[in-house]
Amino acid sequence: MADETLFELLHMEIVLHVYKSMGQDDDEDQGKHIHVLENMGFRVGQGLIERLTKDSPSFKDELEVVKFLCKDLWTTLFKKQIDNLRTNHQGTFVLQDNRFLLLTQISNSKQYLEEAPKFLAYTCGLIKGALSNLGISSLVSAEVPIMPSCKFQVVISRS
């Protein structure tokens, strides 16, 4: 319980620090802020996945990797598994968390819906960094249909 609260507070302070230190004038700055937060998450995701997979056998395919993220990584970070995982079996995965920890403290209504992207950027970076360290290049985006639920869309880059 204490770890969860500390993580939430640290995340809020990181977001606040990035927005205060870089200024927040227009949409272009918004993109810079999101990029900084994603890069922070990317590096943490890389390091965290190294620790989580050190004793695991290698994964046979991308679906197995994403399932590992939904179960083990999500449990480590948010003390619960992803609520729903969908795929089109062509490299696109949708991870749905119906009660995303980093949004529960903000609002349970549509009041702060426009503020949600800055609180999801770090987690998008975490997912992308974890996948990158497992040899999977991807694009990760997030959307919030209604607070505190969110969906992360992972598109595997084929190259």
Protein backbone atom coordinates (compact mmCIF):
# COMPACT_ATOMS: atom_id res chain seq x y z
CA MET A 1 0.00 0.00 0.00
CA ALA A 2 2.75 2.45 0.91
CA ASP A 3 4.72 1.58 -2.25
CA GLU A 4 1.65 2.28 -4.36
CA THR A 5 1.12 5.70 -2.78
CA LEU A 6 4.79 6.63 -3.11
CA PHE A 7 4.78 5.65 -6.78
CA GLU A 8 1.65 7.73 -7.43
CA LEU A 9 3.14 10.77 -5.67
CA LEU A 10 6.48 10.40 -7.44
CA HIS A 11 4.72 10.14 -10.81
CA MET A 12 2.66 13.28 -10.13
CA GLU A 13 5.79 15.17 -9.10
CA ILE A 14 7.67 14.03 -12.22
CA VAL A 15 4.84 15.29 -14.44
CA LEU A 16 4.63 18.55 -12.50
CA HIS A 17 8.40 19.05 -12.66
CA VAL A 18 8.57 18.49 -16.42
CA TYR A 19 5.73 20.91 -17.07
CA LYS A 20 7.09 23.60 -14.72
CA SER A 21 10.70 23.37 -15.85
CA MET A 22 9.93 23.53 -19.57
CA GLY A 23 7.07 26.03 -19.49
CA GLN A 24 3.61 25.32 -20.84
CA ASP A 25 2.66 27.83 -23.48
CA ASP A 26 1.17 26.10 -26.51
CA ASP A 27 0.49 22.77 -28.22
CA GLU A 28 4.07 22.51 -29.49
CA ASP A 29 5.34 22.65 -25.91
CA GLN A 30 2.77 20.01 -24.96
CA GLY A 31 4.42 17.65 -27.45
CA LYS A 32 7.86 18.35 -25.96
CA HIS A 33 6.59 17.60 -22.46
CA ILE A 34 5.03 14.33 -23.59
CA HIS A 35 8.27 13.38 -25.35
CA VAL A 36 10.36 14.02 -22.21
CA LEU A 37 8.00 11.95 -20.07
CA GLU A 38 7.98 9.11 -22.61
CA ASN A 39 11.79 9.08 -22.70
CA MET A 40 11.93 8.85 -18.90
CA GLY A 41 9.48 5.94 -18.96
CA PHE A 42 11.38 4.28 -21.82
CA ARG A 43 14.59 4.10 -19.82
CA VAL A 44 12.83 2.83 -16.70
CA GLY A 45 10.97 0.22 -18.77
CA GLN A 46 14.25 -1.04 -20.21
CA GLY A 47 15.82 -1.46 -16.78
CA LEU A 48 12.75 -2.94 -15.16
CA ILE A 49 12.22 -5.58 -17.82
CA GLU A 50 15.85 -6.68 -17.46
CA ARG A 51 15.22 -7.46 -13.80
CA LEU A 52 11.87 -9.16 -14.41
CA THR A 53 13.12 -11.43 -17.20
CA LYS A 54 16.52 -12.42 -15.83
CA ASP A 55 15.23 -15.82 -14.66
CA SER A 56 12.58 -16.27 -17.36
CA PRO A 57 12.94 -18.48 -20.41
CA SER A 58 12.97 -16.71 -23.75
CA PHE A 59 9.64 -15.86 -25.33
CA LYS A 60 8.53 -17.68 -28.47
CA ASP A 61 6.50 -14.86 -30.06
CA GLU A 62 5.23 -11.30 -29.63
CA LEU A 63 1.93 -12.40 -28.10
CA GLU A 64 3.77 -14.19 -25.32
CA VAL A 65 5.84 -11.05 -24.65
CA VAL A 66 2.75 -8.85 -24.47
CA LYS A 67 1.04 -11.34 -22.15
CA PHE A 68 4.11 -11.16 -19.90
CA LEU A 69 3.80 -7.37 -19.84
CA CYS A 70 0.09 -7.58 -19.02
CA LYS A 71 0.61 -9.98 -16.15
CA ASP A 72 4.06 -9.59 -14.63
CA LEU A 73 5.10 -6.04 -15.52
CA TRP A 74 1.67 -4.58 -14.76
CA THR A 75 1.50 -6.46 -11.45
CA THR A 76 4.94 -5.18 -10.48
CA LEU A 77 4.03 -1.58 -11.31
CA PHE A 78 0.35 -1.30 -10.48
CA LYS A 79 -0.36 -4.30 -8.19
CA LYS A 80 -2.89 -5.77 -10.64
CA GLN A 81 -3.00 -7.32 -14.08
CA ILE A 82 -4.32 -5.64 -17.21
CA ASP A 83 -8.10 -6.06 -17.33
CA ASN A 84 -8.35 -6.86 -21.04
CA LEU A 85 -5.92 -7.70 -23.85
CA ARG A 86 -7.05 -7.75 -27.46
CA THR A 87 -5.10 -8.35 -30.62
CA ASN A 88 -5.74 -8.54 -34.34
CA HIS A 89 -2.91 -11.12 -34.67
CA GLN A 90 -1.19 -8.78 -37.10
CA GLY A 91 0.95 -6.84 -34.66
CA THR A 92 -1.61 -4.60 -32.96
CA PHE A 93 -2.46 -5.08 -29.30
CA VAL A 94 -4.89 -3.13 -27.11
CA LEU A 95 -4.27 -3.27 -23.36
CA GLN A 96 -7.20 -2.00 -21.32
CA ASP A 97 -7.01 -1.04 -17.66
CA ASN A 98 -10.46 -0.20 -16.29
CA ARG A 99 -9.09 1.48 -13.19
CA PHE A 100 -5.66 2.82 -14.10
CA LEU A 101 -3.78 3.67 -10.91
CA LEU A 102 -2.19 6.89 -12.19
CA LEU A 103 -5.59 8.31 -13.19
CA THR A 104 -7.65 7.29 -10.15
CA GLN A 105 -6.30 10.17 -8.05
CA ILE A 106 -7.14 12.76 -10.69
CA SER A 107 -10.82 12.22 -11.33
CA ASN A 108 -13.63 9.73 -11.76
CA SER A 109 -15.49 11.93 -14.23
CA LYS A 110 -14.84 13.76 -17.50
CA GLN A 111 -13.73 16.89 -15.65
CA TYR A 112 -9.98 16.44 -16.27
CA LEU A 113 -10.15 14.30 -19.41
CA GLU A 114 -8.01 16.77 -21.39
CA GLU A 115 -5.27 16.51 -18.73
CA ALA A 116 -5.01 12.72 -19.00
CA PRO A 117 -2.37 12.46 -21.80
CA LYS A 118 0.37 13.95 -19.66
CA PHE A 119 -0.29 11.31 -17.00
CA LEU A 120 -0.14 8.48 -19.55
CA ALA A 121 3.04 9.47 -21.41
CA TYR A 122 5.38 7.96 -18.82
CA THR A 123 3.54 4.62 -18.94
CA CYS A 124 3.58 4.60 -22.75
CA GLY A 125 7.35 5.02 -22.52
CA LEU A 126 7.56 2.19 -19.97
CA ILE A 127 5.77 -0.21 -22.29
CA LYS A 128 7.83 0.85 -25.30
CA GLY A 129 11.10 0.56 -23.36
CA ALA A 130 10.22 -2.88 -22.03
CA LEU A 131 9.35 -4.12 -25.52
CA SER A 132 12.47 -2.53 -26.96
CA ASN A 133 14.68 -4.35 -24.49
CA LEU A 134 13.02 -7.61 -25.52
CA GLY A 135 13.89 -6.90 -29.16
CA ILE A 136 10.49 -5.60 -30.28
CA SER A 137 10.22 -2.21 -31.93
CA SER A 138 6.83 -0.63 -31.35
CA LEU A 139 4.65 2.45 -31.27
CA VAL A 140 2.63 2.93 -28.09
CA SER A 141 -0.26 5.34 -27.68
CA ALA A 142 -2.93 5.77 -25.05
CA GLU A 143 -6.49 7.01 -24.93
CA VAL A 144 -8.91 7.64 -22.11
CA PRO A 145 -12.51 6.93 -23.03
CA ILE A 146 -13.69 7.73 -19.50
CA MET A 147 -11.71 8.37 -16.33
CA PRO A 148 -10.00 6.39 -14.76
CA SER A 149 -10.17 3.77 -17.53
CA CYS A 150 -7.55 3.82 -20.28
CA LYS A 151 -6.46 1.84 -23.32
CA PHE A 152 -2.89 1.46 -24.50
CA GLN A 153 -2.50 0.60 -28.17
CA VAL A 154 0.73 -1.19 -29.04
CA VAL A 155 1.61 -1.47 -32.72
CA ILE A 156 4.58 -3.70 -33.46
CA SER A 157 6.85 -2.25 -36.14
CA ARG A 158 7.66 -4.75 -38.86
CA SER A 159 11.04 -4.07 -40.43
